[in-house]
PDB file of N, CA and C in Angstrom:
ATOM      1  N   VAL A   1      54.581 122.998  32.525  1.00  0.00           N
ATOM      2  CA  VAL A   1      55.193 122.719  31.244  1.00  0.00           C
ATOM      3  C   VAL A   1      54.110 122.304  30.268  1.00  0.00           C
ATOM      4  N   GLY A   2      54.140 122.831  29.090  1.00  0.00           N
ATOM      5  CA  GLY A   2      53.187 122.453  28.059  1.00  0.00           C
ATOM      6  C   GLY A   2      51.938 123.283  28.041  1.00  0.00           C
ATOM      7  N   GLN A   3      51.229 123.353  29.125  1.00  0.00           N
ATOM      8  CA  GLN A   3      49.996 124.097  29.303  1.00  0.00           C
ATOM      9  C   GLN A   3      49.025 123.877  28.153  1.00  0.00           C
ATOM     10  N   ARG A   4      48.747 124.871  27.348  1.00  0.00           N
ATOM     11  CA  ARG A   4      47.755 124.756  26.276  1.00  0.00           C
ATOM     12  C   ARG A   4      48.179 123.785  25.176  1.00  0.00           C
ATOM     13  N   TRP A   5      49.451 123.650  24.934  1.00  0.00           N
ATOM     14  CA  TRP A   5      49.928 122.852  23.812  1.00  0.00           C
ATOM     15  C   TRP A   5      49.584 121.377  23.959  1.00  0.00           C
ATOM     16  N   TYR A   6      49.414 120.882  25.173  1.00  0.00           N
ATOM     17  CA  TYR A   6      49.122 119.473  25.354  1.00  0.00           C
ATOM     18  C   TYR A   6      47.727 119.100  24.881  1.00  0.00           C
ATOM     19  N   GLY A   7      46.871 120.061  24.680  1.00  0.00           N
ATOM     20  CA  GLY A   7      45.522 119.772  24.207  1.00  0.00           C
ATOM     21  C   GLY A   7      45.432 119.481  22.722  1.00  0.00           C
ATOM     22  N   PHE A   8      46.461 119.777  21.956  1.00  0.00           N
ATOM     23  CA  PHE A   8      46.408 119.617  20.509  1.00  0.00           C
ATOM     24  C   PHE A   8      46.942 118.276  20.016  1.00  0.00           C
ATOM     25  N   GLY A   9      47.748 117.602  20.786  1.00  0.00           N
ATOM     26  CA  GLY A   9      48.322 116.333  20.351  1.00  0.00           C
ATOM     27  C   GLY A   9      49.583 116.473  19.522  1.00  0.00           C
ATOM     28  N   TRP A  10      50.096 117.672  19.392  1.00  0.00           N
ATOM     29  CA  TRP A  10      51.287 117.883  18.571  1.00  0.00           C
ATOM     30  C   TRP A  10      52.530 117.273  19.192  1.00  0.00           C
ATOM     31  N   GLU A  11      52.573 117.215  20.527  1.00  0.00           N
ATOM     32  CA  GLU A  11      53.776 116.699  21.167  1.00  0.00           C
ATOM     33  C   GLU A  11      53.994 115.237  20.813  1.00  0.00           C
ATOM     34  N   SER A  12      52.932 114.453  20.710  1.00  0.00           N
ATOM     35  CA  SER A  12      53.099 113.050  20.336  1.00  0.00           C
ATOM     36  C   SER A  12      53.506 112.914  18.871  1.00  0.00           C
ATOM     37  N   GLN A  13      52.986 113.797  18.012  1.00  0.00           N
ATOM     38  CA  GLN A  13      53.396 113.757  16.607  1.00  0.00           C
ATOM     39  C   GLN A  13      54.852 114.165  16.445  1.00  0.00           C
ATOM     40  N   LEU A  14      55.291 115.162  17.211  1.00  0.00           N
ATOM     41  CA  LEU A  14      56.702 115.552  17.155  1.00  0.00           C
ATOM     42  C   LEU A  14      57.603 114.438  17.661  1.00  0.00           C
ATOM     43  N   LEU A  15      57.191 113.763  18.705  1.00  0.00           N
ATOM     44  CA  LEU A  15      57.963 112.648  19.234  1.00  0.00           C
ATOM     45  C   LEU A  15      58.041 111.511  18.221  1.00  0.00           C
ATOM     46  N   GLU A  16      56.928 111.200  17.600  1.00  0.00           N
ATOM     47  CA  GLU A  16      56.905 110.147  16.588  1.00  0.00           C
ATOM     48  C   GLU A  16      57.773 110.515  15.382  1.00  0.00           C
ATOM     49  N   THR A  17      57.699 111.763  14.936  1.00  0.00           N
ATOM     50  CA  THR A  17      58.531 112.216  13.822  1.00  0.00           C
ATOM     51  C   THR A  17      60.010 112.133  14.176  1.00  0.00           C
ATOM     52  N   GLY A  18      60.356 112.473  15.402  1.00  0.00           N
ATOM     53  CA  GLY A  18      61.743 112.373  15.849  1.00  0.00           C
ATOM     54  C   GLY A  18      62.257 110.941  15.818  1.00  0.00           C
ATOM     55  N   PHE A  19      61.443 110.002  16.278  1.00  0.00           N
ATOM     56  CA  PHE A  19      61.866 108.603  16.254  1.00  0.00           C
ATOM     57  C   PHE A  19      61.984 108.069  14.835  1.00  0.00           C
ATOM     58  N   ILE A  20      61.074 108.472  13.965  1.00  0.00           N
ATOM     59  CA  ILE A  20      61.163 108.041  12.568  1.00  0.00           C
ATOM     60  C   ILE A  20      62.412 108.613  11.913  1.00  0.00           C
ATOM     61  N   SER A  21      62.738 109.863  12.218  1.00  0.00           N
ATOM     62  CA  SER A  21      63.948 110.452  11.624  1.00  0.00           C
ATOM     63  C   SER A  21      65.207 109.782  12.146  1.00  0.00           C
ATOM     64  N   ILE A  22      65.189 109.309  13.372  1.00  0.00           N
ATOM     65  CA  ILE A  22      66.343 108.550  13.880  1.00  0.00           C
ATOM     66  C   ILE A  22      66.521 107.275  13.073  1.00  0.00           C
ATOM     67  N   LEU A  23      65.408 106.623  12.709  1.00  0.00           N
ATOM     68  CA  LEU A  23      65.495 105.405  11.900  1.00  0.00           C
ATOM     69  C   LEU A  23      65.990 105.678  10.483  1.00  0.00           C
ATOM     70  N   MET A  24      65.809 106.900   9.993  1.00  0.00           N
ATOM     71  CA  MET A  24      66.195 107.215   8.617  1.00  0.00           C
ATOM     72  C   MET A  24      67.672 107.558   8.467  1.00  0.00           C
ATOM     73  N   VAL A  25      68.348 107.859   9.555  1.00  0.00           N
ATOM     74  CA  VAL A  25      69.743 108.280   9.495  1.00  0.00           C
ATOM     75  C   VAL A  25      70.652 107.056   9.508  1.00  0.00           C
ATOM     76  N   PRO A  26      71.585 106.958   8.547  1.00  0.00           N
ATOM     77  CA  PRO A  26      72.554 105.856   8.606  1.00  0.00           C
ATOM     78  C   PRO A  26      73.549 106.092   9.745  1.00  0.00           C
ATOM     79  N   LEU A  27      73.630 105.150  10.652  1.00  0.00           N
ATOM     80  CA  LEU A  27      74.452 105.332  11.839  1.00  0.00           C
ATOM     81  C   LEU A  27      75.928 105.033  11.603  1.00  0.00           C
ATOM     82  N   LEU A  28      76.240 104.275  10.578  1.00  0.00           N
ATOM     83  CA  LEU A  28      77.624 103.845  10.369  1.00  0.00           C
ATOM     84  C   LEU A  28      78.383 104.687   9.368  1.00  0.00           C
ATOM     85  N   CYS A  29      77.805 105.754   8.868  1.00  0.00           N
ATOM     86  CA  CYS A  29      78.458 106.581   7.859  1.00  0.00           C
ATOM     87  C   CYS A  29      78.359 108.046   8.270  1.00  0.00           C
ATOM     88  N   VAL A  30      79.447 108.786   8.061  1.00  0.00           N
ATOM     89  CA  VAL A  30      79.456 110.197   8.444  1.00  0.00           C
ATOM     90  C   VAL A  30      79.334 111.131   7.248  1.00  0.00           C
ATOM     91  N   ASP A  31      79.235 110.590   6.028  1.00  0.00           N
ATOM     92  CA  ASP A  31      79.057 111.427   4.844  1.00  0.00           C
ATOM     93  C   ASP A  31      77.677 112.075   4.868  1.00  0.00           C
ATOM     94  N   ALA A  32      77.576 113.215   4.205  1.00  0.00           N
ATOM     95  CA  ALA A  32      76.300 113.926   4.186  1.00  0.00           C
ATOM     96  C   ALA A  32      75.226 113.122   3.445  1.00  0.00           C
ATOM     97  N   LEU A  33      75.549 112.593   2.276  1.00  0.00           N
ATOM     98  CA  LEU A  33      74.624 111.776   1.492  1.00  0.00           C
ATOM     99  C   LEU A  33      75.310 110.478   1.093  1.00  0.00           C
ATOM    100  N   PRO A  34      75.334 109.499   1.953  1.00  0.00           N
ATOM    101  CA  PRO A  34      76.038 108.253   1.620  1.00  0.00           C
ATOM    102  C   PRO A  34      75.294 107.465   0.554  1.00  0.00           C
ATOM    103  N   ALA A  35      76.033 107.051  -0.464  1.00  0.00           N
ATOM    104  CA  ALA A  35      75.420 106.309  -1.562  1.00  0.00           C
ATOM    105  C   ALA A  35      75.243 104.833  -1.213  1.00  0.00           C
ATOM    106  N   ALA A  36      76.058 104.312  -0.320  1.00  0.00           N
ATOM    107  CA  ALA A  36      76.030 102.886  -0.017  1.00  0.00           C
ATOM    108  C   ALA A  36      74.920 102.495   0.950  1.00  0.00           C
ATOM    109  N   PHE A  37      74.358 103.454   1.680  1.00  0.00           N
ATOM    110  CA  PHE A  37      73.344 103.142   2.681  1.00  0.00           C
ATOM    111  C   PHE A  37      71.982 103.658   2.230  1.00  0.00           C
ATOM    112  N   ALA A  38      71.096 102.747   1.940  1.00  0.00           N
ATOM    113  CA  ALA A  38      69.733 103.134   1.563  1.00  0.00           C
ATOM    114  C   ALA A  38      68.898 103.365   2.817  1.00  0.00           C
ATOM    115  N   THR A  39      67.906 104.193   2.685  1.00  0.00           N
ATOM    116  CA  THR A  39      66.995 104.432   3.801  1.00  0.00           C
ATOM    117  C   THR A  39      66.165 103.174   4.034  1.00  0.00           C
ATOM    118  N   PRO A  40      66.058 102.708   5.255  1.00  0.00           N
ATOM    119  CA  PRO A  40      65.286 101.482   5.517  1.00  0.00           C
ATOM    120  C   PRO A  40      63.821 101.643   5.113  1.00  0.00           C
ATOM    121  N   TRP A  41      63.269 100.610   4.512  1.00  0.00           N
ATOM    122  CA  TRP A  41      61.891 100.672   4.036  1.00  0.00           C
ATOM    123  C   TRP A  41      60.904 100.820   5.190  1.00  0.00           C
ATOM    124  N   VAL A  42      61.266 100.310   6.356  1.00  0.00           N
ATOM    125  CA  VAL A  42      60.385 100.456   7.525  1.00  0.00           C
ATOM    126  C   VAL A  42      60.247 101.933   7.898  1.00  0.00           C
ATOM    127  N   ALA A  43      61.349 102.669   7.826  1.00  0.00           N
ATOM    128  CA  ALA A  43      61.305 104.099   8.156  1.00  0.00           C
ATOM    129  C   ALA A  43      60.488 104.873   7.122  1.00  0.00           C
ATOM    130  N   LEU A  44      60.643 104.505   5.853  1.00  0.00           N
ATOM    131  CA  LEU A  44      59.870 105.194   4.810  1.00  0.00           C
ATOM    132  C   LEU A  44      58.374 104.941   4.960  1.00  0.00           C
ATOM    133  N   TRP A  45      57.989 103.701   5.255  1.00  0.00           N
ATOM    134  CA  TRP A  45      56.575 103.400   5.450  1.00  0.00           C
ATOM    135  C   TRP A  45      56.038 104.027   6.721  1.00  0.00           C
ATOM    136  N   ALA A  46      56.864 104.122   7.757  1.00  0.00           N
ATOM    137  CA  ALA A  46      56.428 104.792   8.986  1.00  0.00           C
ATOM    138  C   ALA A  46      56.182 106.277   8.729  1.00  0.00           C
ATOM    139  N   LEU A  47      57.040 106.901   7.916  1.00  0.00           N
ATOM    140  CA  LEU A  47      56.850 108.308   7.576  1.00  0.00           C
ATOM    141  C   LEU A  47      55.604 108.497   6.716  1.00  0.00           C
ATOM    142  N   ARG A  48      55.374 107.596   5.775  1.00  0.00           N
ATOM    143  CA  ARG A  48      54.153 107.664   4.970  1.00  0.00           C
ATOM    144  C   ARG A  48      52.915 107.504   5.841  1.00  0.00           C
ATOM    145  N   TRP A  49      52.960 106.568   6.787  1.00  0.00           N
ATOM    146  CA  TRP A  49      51.827 106.332   7.677  1.00  0.00           C
ATOM    147  C   TRP A  49      51.551 107.566   8.535  1.00  0.00           C
ATOM    148  N   LEU A  50      52.614 108.220   9.019  1.00  0.00           N
ATOM    149  CA  LEU A  50      52.461 109.434   9.814  1.00  0.00           C
ATOM    150  C   LEU A  50      51.813 110.545   8.982  1.00  0.00           C
ATOM    151  N   CYS A  51      52.299 110.759   7.770  1.00  0.00           N
ATOM    152  CA  CYS A  51      51.725 111.795   6.900  1.00  0.00           C
ATOM    153  C   CYS A  51      50.272 111.478   6.559  1.00  0.00           C
ATOM    154  N   PHE A  52      49.981 110.202   6.308  1.00  0.00           N
ATOM    155  CA  PHE A  52      48.612 109.781   6.014  1.00  0.00           C
ATOM    156  C   PHE A  52      47.685 110.105   7.182  1.00  0.00           C
ATOM    157  N   ARG A  53      48.083 109.762   8.387  1.00  0.00           N
ATOM    158  CA  ARG A  53      47.241 110.000   9.561  1.00  0.00           C
ATOM    159  C   ARG A  53      47.034 111.481   9.825  1.00  0.00           C
ATOM    160  N   ILE A  54      48.088 112.288   9.633  1.00  0.00           N
ATOM    161  CA  ILE A  54      47.959 113.731   9.881  1.00  0.00           C
ATOM    162  C   ILE A  54      47.007 114.371   8.866  1.00  0.00           C
ATOM    163  N   MET A  55      47.193 114.056   7.584  1.00  0.00           N
ATOM    164  CA  MET A  55      46.348 114.670   6.550  1.00  0.00           C
ATOM    165  C   MET A  55      44.899 114.191   6.648  1.00  0.00           C
ATOM    166  N   LEU A  56      44.691 112.892   6.785  1.00  0.00           N
ATOM    167  CA  LEU A  56      43.337 112.381   6.869  1.00  0.00           C
ATOM    168  C   LEU A  56      42.654 112.855   8.152  1.00  0.00           C
ATOM    169  N   GLY A  57      43.404 112.915   9.231  1.00  0.00           N
ATOM    170  CA  GLY A  57      42.842 113.415  10.485  1.00  0.00           C
ATOM    171  C   GLY A  57      42.413 114.867  10.390  1.00  0.00           C
ATOM    172  N   ALA A  58      43.217 115.677   9.693  1.00  0.00           N
ATOM    173  CA  ALA A  58      42.849 117.087   9.513  1.00  0.00           C
ATOM    174  C   ALA A  58      41.571 117.214   8.698  1.00  0.00           C
ATOM    175  N   GLY A  59      41.423 116.385   7.678  1.00  0.00           N
ATOM    176  CA  GLY A  59      40.205 116.427   6.874  1.00  0.00           C
ATOM    177  C   GLY A  59      38.989 115.915   7.630  1.00  0.00           C
ATOM    178  N   MET A  60      39.168 114.843   8.401  1.00  0.00           N
ATOM    179  CA  MET A  60      38.044 114.264   9.138  1.00  0.00           C
ATOM    180  C   MET A  60      37.530 115.202  10.229  1.00  0.00           C
ATOM    181  N   ILE A  61      38.444 115.882  10.905  1.00  0.00           N
ATOM    182  CA  ILE A  61      38.000 116.782  11.969  1.00  0.00           C
ATOM    183  C   ILE A  61      37.231 117.969  11.393  1.00  0.00           C
ATOM    184  N   LYS A  62      37.563 118.357  10.162  1.00  0.00           N
ATOM    185  CA  LYS A  62      36.821 119.445   9.520  1.00  0.00           C
ATOM    186  C   LYS A  62      35.415 118.994   9.146  1.00  0.00           C
ATOM    187  N   ILE A  63      35.302 117.786   8.626  1.00  0.00           N
ATOM    188  CA  ILE A  63      33.990 117.271   8.236  1.00  0.00           C
ATOM    189  C   ILE A  63      33.108 117.040   9.464  1.00  0.00           C
ATOM    190  N   ARG A  64      33.702 116.500  10.532  1.00  0.00           N
ATOM    191  CA  ARG A  64      32.919 116.220  11.743  1.00  0.00           C
ATOM    192  C   ARG A  64      32.655 117.458  12.573  1.00  0.00           C
ATOM    193  N   GLY A  65      33.459 118.491  12.402  1.00  0.00           N
ATOM    194  CA  GLY A  65      33.353 119.670  13.248  1.00  0.00           C
ATOM    195  C   GLY A  65      32.307 120.659  12.776  1.00  0.00           C
ATOM    196  N   ASP A  66      32.758 121.831  12.418  1.00  0.00           N
ATOM    197  CA  ASP A  66      31.872 122.941  12.081  1.00  0.00           C
ATOM    198  C   ASP A  66      31.110 122.665  10.783  1.00  0.00           C
ATOM    199  N   SER A  67      29.877 123.095  10.729  1.00  0.00           N
ATOM    200  CA  SER A  67      29.039 122.858   9.545  1.00  0.00           C
ATOM    201  C   SER A  67      29.491 123.659   8.329  1.00  0.00           C
ATOM    202  N   CYS A  68      30.265 124.719   8.532  1.00  0.00           N
ATOM    203  CA  CYS A  68      30.714 125.510   7.376  1.00  0.00           C
ATOM    204  C   CYS A  68      31.634 124.705   6.464  1.00  0.00           C
ATOM    205  N   TRP A  69      32.292 123.671   6.993  1.00  0.00           N
ATOM    206  CA  TRP A  69      33.113 122.813   6.136  1.00  0.00           C
ATOM    207  C   TRP A  69      32.233 121.860   5.332  1.00  0.00           C
ATOM    208  N   ARG A  70      31.123 121.444   5.890  1.00  0.00           N
ATOM    209  CA  ARG A  70      30.223 120.535   5.177  1.00  0.00           C
ATOM    210  C   ARG A  70      29.430 121.251   4.096  1.00  0.00           C
ATOM    211  N   ASP A  71      29.053 122.510   4.338  1.00  0.00           N
ATOM    212  CA  ASP A  71      28.292 123.231   3.303  1.00  0.00           C
ATOM    213  C   ASP A  71      29.195 124.089   2.421  1.00  0.00           C
ATOM    214  N   LEU A  72      30.494 123.875   2.519  1.00  0.00           N
ATOM    215  CA  LEU A  72      31.523 124.476   1.639  1.00  0.00           C
ATOM    216  C   LEU A  72      31.627 125.990   1.760  1.00  0.00           C
ATOM    217  N   THR A  73      31.313 126.568   2.904  1.00  0.00           N
ATOM    218  CA  THR A  73      31.419 128.015   3.075  1.00  0.00           C
ATOM    219  C   THR A  73      32.547 128.413   4.027  1.00  0.00           C
ATOM    220  N   ALA A  74      33.415 127.485   4.379  1.00  0.00           N
ATOM    221  CA  ALA A  74      34.467 127.789   5.360  1.00  0.00           C
ATOM    222  C   ALA A  74      35.419 128.868   4.864  1.00  0.00           C
ATOM    223  N   MET A  75      35.738 128.860   3.595  1.00  0.00           N
ATOM    224  CA  MET A  75      36.687 129.845   3.077  1.00  0.00           C
ATOM    225  C   MET A  75      36.067 131.237   2.960  1.00  0.00           C
ATOM    226  N   CYS A  76      34.746 131.321   3.049  1.00  0.00           N
ATOM    227  CA  CYS A  76      34.113 132.645   3.072  1.00  0.00           C
ATOM    228  C   CYS A  76      34.504 133.411   4.329  1.00  0.00           C
ATOM    229  N   TYR A  77      34.816 132.679   5.401  1.00  0.00           N
ATOM    230  CA  TYR A  77      35.170 133.304   6.679  1.00  0.00           C
ATOM    231  C   TYR A  77      36.662 133.239   6.981  1.00  0.00           C
ATOM    232  N   HIS A  78      37.382 132.403   6.264  1.00  0.00           N
ATOM    233  CA  HIS A  78      38.789 132.162   6.584  1.00  0.00           C
ATOM    234  C   HIS A  78      39.636 133.425   6.512  1.00  0.00           C
ATOM    235  N   TYR A  79      39.464 134.199   5.477  1.00  0.00           N
ATOM    236  CA  TYR A  79      40.334 135.365   5.286  1.00  0.00           C
ATOM    237  C   TYR A  79      40.066 136.461   6.308  1.00  0.00           C
ATOM    238  N   GLU A  80      38.897 136.447   6.943  1.00  0.00           N
ATOM    239  CA  GLU A  80      38.604 137.408   8.006  1.00  0.00           C
ATOM    240  C   GLU A  80      39.200 136.973   9.341  1.00  0.00           C
ATOM    241  N   THR A  81      39.282 135.665   9.546  1.00  0.00           N
ATOM    242  CA  THR A  81      39.603 135.155  10.877  1.00  0.00           C
ATOM    243  C   THR A  81      40.945 134.457  10.987  1.00  0.00           C
ATOM    244  N   GLN A  82      41.743 134.405   9.920  1.00  0.00           N
ATOM    245  CA  GLN A  82      43.017 133.694  10.023  1.00  0.00           C
ATOM    246  C   GLN A  82      43.953 134.414  10.988  1.00  0.00           C
ATOM    247  N   PRO A  83      44.765 133.666  11.721  1.00  0.00           N
ATOM    248  CA  PRO A  83      45.582 134.279  12.772  1.00  0.00           C
ATOM    249  C   PRO A  83      46.675 135.204  12.251  1.00  0.00           C
ATOM    250  N   VAL A  84      47.275 134.866  11.112  1.00  0.00           N
ATOM    251  CA  VAL A  84      48.353 135.696  10.571  1.00  0.00           C
ATOM    252  C   VAL A  84      48.022 136.002   9.110  1.00  0.00           C
ATOM    253  N   PRO A  85      47.211 137.034   8.866  1.00  0.00           N
ATOM    254  CA  PRO A  85      46.830 137.335   7.480  1.00  0.00           C
ATOM    255  C   PRO A  85      48.011 137.884   6.677  1.00  0.00           C
ATOM    256  N   ASN A  86      47.973 137.624   5.389  1.00  0.00           N
ATOM    257  CA  ASN A  86      49.006 138.186   4.515  1.00  0.00           C
ATOM    258  C   ASN A  86      48.392 139.322   3.690  1.00  0.00           C
ATOM    259  N   PRO A  87      49.188 140.033   2.917  1.00  0.00           N
ATOM    260  CA  PRO A  87      48.656 141.190   2.176  1.00  0.00           C
ATOM    261  C   PRO A  87      47.564 140.838   1.158  1.00  0.00           C
ATOM    262  N   PHE A  88      47.527 139.602   0.685  1.00  0.00           N
ATOM    263  CA  PHE A  88      46.524 139.224  -0.310  1.00  0.00           C
ATOM    264  C   PHE A  88      45.193 138.823   0.324  1.00  0.00           C
ATOM    265  N   SER A  89      45.147 138.679   1.631  1.00  0.00           N
ATOM    266  CA  SER A  89      43.924 138.216   2.305  1.00  0.00           C
ATOM    267  C   SER A  89      42.746 139.147   2.058  1.00  0.00           C
ATOM    268  N   TYR A  90      42.992 140.422   2.064  1.00  0.00           N
ATOM    269  CA  TYR A  90      41.903 141.379   1.835  1.00  0.00           C
ATOM    270  C   TYR A  90      41.263 141.156   0.469  1.00  0.00           C
ATOM    271  N   PHE A  91      42.097 140.956  -0.551  1.00  0.00           N
ATOM    272  CA  PHE A  91      41.581 140.777  -1.901  1.00  0.00           C
ATOM    273  C   PHE A  91      40.928 139.413  -2.081  1.00  0.00           C
ATOM    274  N   LEU A  92      41.508 138.384  -1.470  1.00  0.00           N
ATOM    275  CA  LEU A  92      40.924 137.053  -1.581  1.00  0.00           C
ATOM    276  C   LEU A  92      39.598 136.943  -0.841  1.00  0.00           C
ATOM    277  N   HIS A  93      39.438 137.730   0.185  1.00  0.00           N
ATOM    278  CA  HIS A  93      38.165 137.716   0.913  1.00  0.00           C
ATOM    279  C   HIS A  93      37.007 138.167   0.022  1.00  0.00           C
ATOM    280  N   TRP A  94      37.261 139.049  -0.910  1.00  0.00           N
ATOM    281  CA  TRP A  94      36.204 139.602  -1.750  1.00  0.00           C
ATOM    282  C   TRP A  94      35.981 138.820  -3.042  1.00  0.00           C
ATOM    283  N   THR A  95      36.603 137.655  -3.187  1.00  0.00           N
ATOM    284  CA  THR A  95      36.332 136.831  -4.366  1.00  0.00           C
ATOM    285  C   THR A  95      34.916 136.256  -4.255  1.00  0.00           C
ATOM    286  N   PRO A  96      34.339 135.819  -5.372  1.00  0.00           N
ATOM    287  CA  PRO A  96      32.946 135.333  -5.359  1.00  0.00           C
ATOM    288  C   PRO A  96      32.776 134.079  -4.484  1.00  0.00           C
ATOM    289  N   VAL A  97      31.546 133.839  -4.075  1.00  0.00           N
ATOM    290  CA  VAL A  97      31.235 132.697  -3.206  1.00  0.00           C
ATOM    291  C   VAL A  97      31.548 131.376  -3.907  1.00  0.00           C
ATOM    292  N   TRP A  98      31.308 131.297  -5.219  1.00  0.00           N
ATOM    293  CA  TRP A  98      31.602 130.055  -5.928  1.00  0.00           C
ATOM    294  C   TRP A  98      33.085 129.723  -5.844  1.00  0.00           C
ATOM    295  N   TRP A  99      33.950 130.747  -5.827  1.00  0.00           N
ATOM    296  CA  TRP A  99      35.393 130.509  -5.706  1.00  0.00           C
ATOM    297  C   TRP A  99      35.726 129.981  -4.309  1.00  0.00           C
ATOM    298  N   HIS A 100      35.093 130.530  -3.277  1.00  0.00           N
ATOM    299  CA  HIS A 100      35.323 130.040  -1.916  1.00  0.00           C
ATOM    300  C   HIS A 100      34.856 128.592  -1.774  1.00  0.00           C
ATOM    301  N   LYS A 101      33.752 128.245  -2.420  1.00  0.00           N
ATOM    302  CA  LYS A 101      33.281 126.867  -2.370  1.00  0.00           C
ATOM    303  C   LYS A 101      34.245 125.941  -3.108  1.00  0.00           C
ATOM    304  N   PHE A 102      34.826 126.426  -4.202  1.00  0.00           N
ATOM    305  CA  PHE A 102      35.831 125.645  -4.921  1.00  0.00           C
ATOM    306  C   PHE A 102      37.067 125.437  -4.047  1.00  0.00           C
ATOM    307  N   GLU A 103      37.503 126.490  -3.340  1.00  0.00           N
ATOM    308  CA  GLU A 103      38.656 126.364  -2.447  1.00  0.00           C
ATOM    309  C   GLU A 103      38.400 125.337  -1.347  1.00  0.00           C
ATOM    310  N   THR A 104      37.208 125.375  -0.777  1.00  0.00           N
ATOM    311  CA  THR A 104      36.877 124.444   0.300  1.00  0.00           C
ATOM    312  C   THR A 104      36.801 123.018  -0.218  1.00  0.00           C
ATOM    313  N   SER A 105      36.196 122.816  -1.365  1.00  0.00           N
ATOM    314  CA  SER A 105      36.117 121.459  -1.920  1.00  0.00           C
ATOM    315  C   SER A 105      37.494 120.951  -2.326  1.00  0.00           C
ATOM    316  N   THR A 106      38.356 121.824  -2.828  1.00  0.00           N
ATOM    317  CA  THR A 106      39.727 121.414  -3.142  1.00  0.00           C
ATOM    318  C   THR A 106      40.460 121.001  -1.876  1.00  0.00           C
ATOM    319  N   ASN A 107      40.235 121.708  -0.788  1.00  0.00           N
ATOM    320  CA  ASN A 107      40.833 121.328   0.484  1.00  0.00           C
ATOM    321  C   ASN A 107      40.354 119.943   0.918  1.00  0.00           C
ATOM    322  N   HIS A 108      39.082 119.647   0.716  1.00  0.00           N
ATOM    323  CA  HIS A 108      38.557 118.331   1.061  1.00  0.00           C
ATOM    324  C   HIS A 108      39.219 117.232   0.231  1.00  0.00           C
ATOM    325  N   VAL A 109      39.410 117.496  -1.055  1.00  0.00           N
ATOM    326  CA  VAL A 109      40.068 116.505  -1.914  1.00  0.00           C
ATOM    327  C   VAL A 109      41.504 116.284  -1.448  1.00  0.00           C
ATOM    328  N   ILE A 110      42.217 117.358  -1.136  1.00  0.00           N
ATOM    329  CA  ILE A 110      43.615 117.238  -0.715  1.00  0.00           C
ATOM    330  C   ILE A 110      43.738 116.502   0.612  1.00  0.00           C
ATOM    331  N   GLU A 111      42.823 116.747   1.537  1.00  0.00           N
ATOM    332  CA  GLU A 111      42.956 116.155   2.863  1.00  0.00           C
ATOM    333  C   GLU A 111      42.209 114.841   3.049  1.00  0.00           C
ATOM    334  N   LEU A 112      41.235 114.530   2.204  1.00  0.00           N
ATOM    335  CA  LEU A 112      40.464 113.308   2.386  1.00  0.00           C
ATOM    336  C   LEU A 112      40.679 112.259   1.296  1.00  0.00           C
ATOM    337  N   VAL A 113      41.081 112.673   0.108  1.00  0.00           N
ATOM    338  CA  VAL A 113      41.243 111.733  -0.999  1.00  0.00           C
ATOM    339  C   VAL A 113      42.719 111.446  -1.286  1.00  0.00           C
ATOM    340  N   LEU A 114      43.503 112.485  -1.458  1.00  0.00           N
ATOM    341  CA  LEU A 114      44.906 112.297  -1.847  1.00  0.00           C
ATOM    342  C   LEU A 114      45.774 111.577  -0.819  1.00  0.00           C
ATOM    343  N   PRO A 115      45.526 111.664   0.481  1.00  0.00           N
ATOM    344  CA  PRO A 115      46.363 110.903   1.414  1.00  0.00           C
ATOM    345  C   PRO A 115      46.352 109.399   1.181  1.00  0.00           C
ATOM    346  N   TRP A 116      45.300 108.878   0.581  1.00  0.00           N
ATOM    347  CA  TRP A 116      45.255 107.445   0.305  1.00  0.00           C
ATOM    348  C   TRP A 116      46.336 107.027  -0.689  1.00  0.00           C
ATOM    349  N   LEU A 117      46.797 107.965  -1.514  1.00  0.00           N
ATOM    350  CA  LEU A 117      47.877 107.651  -2.454  1.00  0.00           C
ATOM    351  C   LEU A 117      49.206 107.425  -1.737  1.00  0.00           C
ATOM    352  N   LEU A 118      49.333 107.914  -0.513  1.00  0.00           N
ATOM    353  CA  LEU A 118      50.554 107.670   0.253  1.00  0.00           C
ATOM    354  C   LEU A 118      50.723 106.200   0.604  1.00  0.00           C
ATOM    355  N   LEU A 119      49.637 105.455   0.631  1.00  0.00           N
ATOM    356  CA  LEU A 119      49.699 104.041   0.991  1.00  0.00           C
ATOM    357  C   LEU A 119      49.931 103.133  -0.208  1.00  0.00           C
ATOM    358  N   VAL A 120      49.939 103.717  -1.409  1.00  0.00           N
ATOM    359  CA  VAL A 120      50.187 102.941  -2.624  1.00  0.00           C
ATOM    360  C   VAL A 120      51.698 102.893  -2.848  1.00  0.00           C
ATOM    361  N   PRO A 121      52.261 101.701  -3.043  1.00  0.00           N
ATOM    362  CA  PRO A 121      53.703 101.632  -3.328  1.00  0.00           C
ATOM    363  C   PRO A 121      54.045 102.400  -4.601  1.00  0.00           C
ATOM    364  N   LEU A 122      55.152 103.119  -4.574  1.00  0.00           N
ATOM    365  CA  LEU A 122      55.527 103.966  -5.709  1.00  0.00           C
ATOM    366  C   LEU A 122      55.778 103.158  -6.973  1.00  0.00           C
ATOM    367  N   ARG A 123      56.314 101.975  -6.857  1.00  0.00           N
ATOM    368  CA  ARG A 123      56.602 101.182  -8.055  1.00  0.00           C
ATOM    369  C   ARG A 123      55.336 100.776  -8.786  1.00  0.00           C
ATOM    370  N   SER A 124      54.240 100.645  -8.091  1.00  0.00           N
ATOM    371  CA  SER A 124      52.995 100.286  -8.767  1.00  0.00           C
ATOM    372  C   SER A 124      52.376 101.485  -9.489  1.00  0.00           C
ATOM    373  N   LEU A 125      52.819 102.709  -9.166  1.00  0.00           N
ATOM    374  CA  LEU A 125      52.324 103.899  -9.860  1.00  0.00           C
ATOM    375  C   LEU A 125      53.057 104.151 -11.165  1.00  0.00           C
ATOM    376  N   VAL A 126      54.242 103.577 -11.339  1.00  0.00           N
ATOM    377  CA  VAL A 126      55.030 103.779 -12.554  1.00  0.00           C
ATOM    378  C   VAL A 126      54.399 102.984 -13.685  1.00  0.00           C
ATOM    379  N   LEU A 127      54.217 103.643 -14.823  1.00  0.00           N
ATOM    380  CA  LEU A 127      53.582 102.954 -15.974  1.00  0.00           C
ATOM    381  C   LEU A 127      54.552 102.046 -16.664  1.00  0.00           C
TER     382      LEU A 127
END
C-alpha cells in the first residue's frame, strides 16, 4: 500500500487537511451555509499554517535543490520536461531567456515571500 507515494509526504498533508476540515464543519447544524455558526478561529489559523508550510516548503526545496532555480533558468527547461504539457507549452518554450528568468523569479516571490502574508491577521491589513 502506498509504495512510491509515501516518499513525497503528501499522505500526512492530506491527513492534516482532513482533520482541519473536520474542525471547520459546524456539527450542530444541517444547513448548507449556516449563518449562526462561525468557523472556529483555531481551524482558520490551522488552515493558514498548513498553506504557509506547503508554499514556503515548496520554495525552500527549490532554492536548496537544483542550481537552475538559483540561477533563474529553471523555466528554460520546464516546458520541455513538464509531465502533462498543454498546447501553449511549445510556444512558451521559445520565449526569450529574460522572460524565463522573470517567470522563475516571480515563482520565488510567490513561494518565498507571499506566504508570510498568511500569518498576518486580516483585520490588520484593512486600512
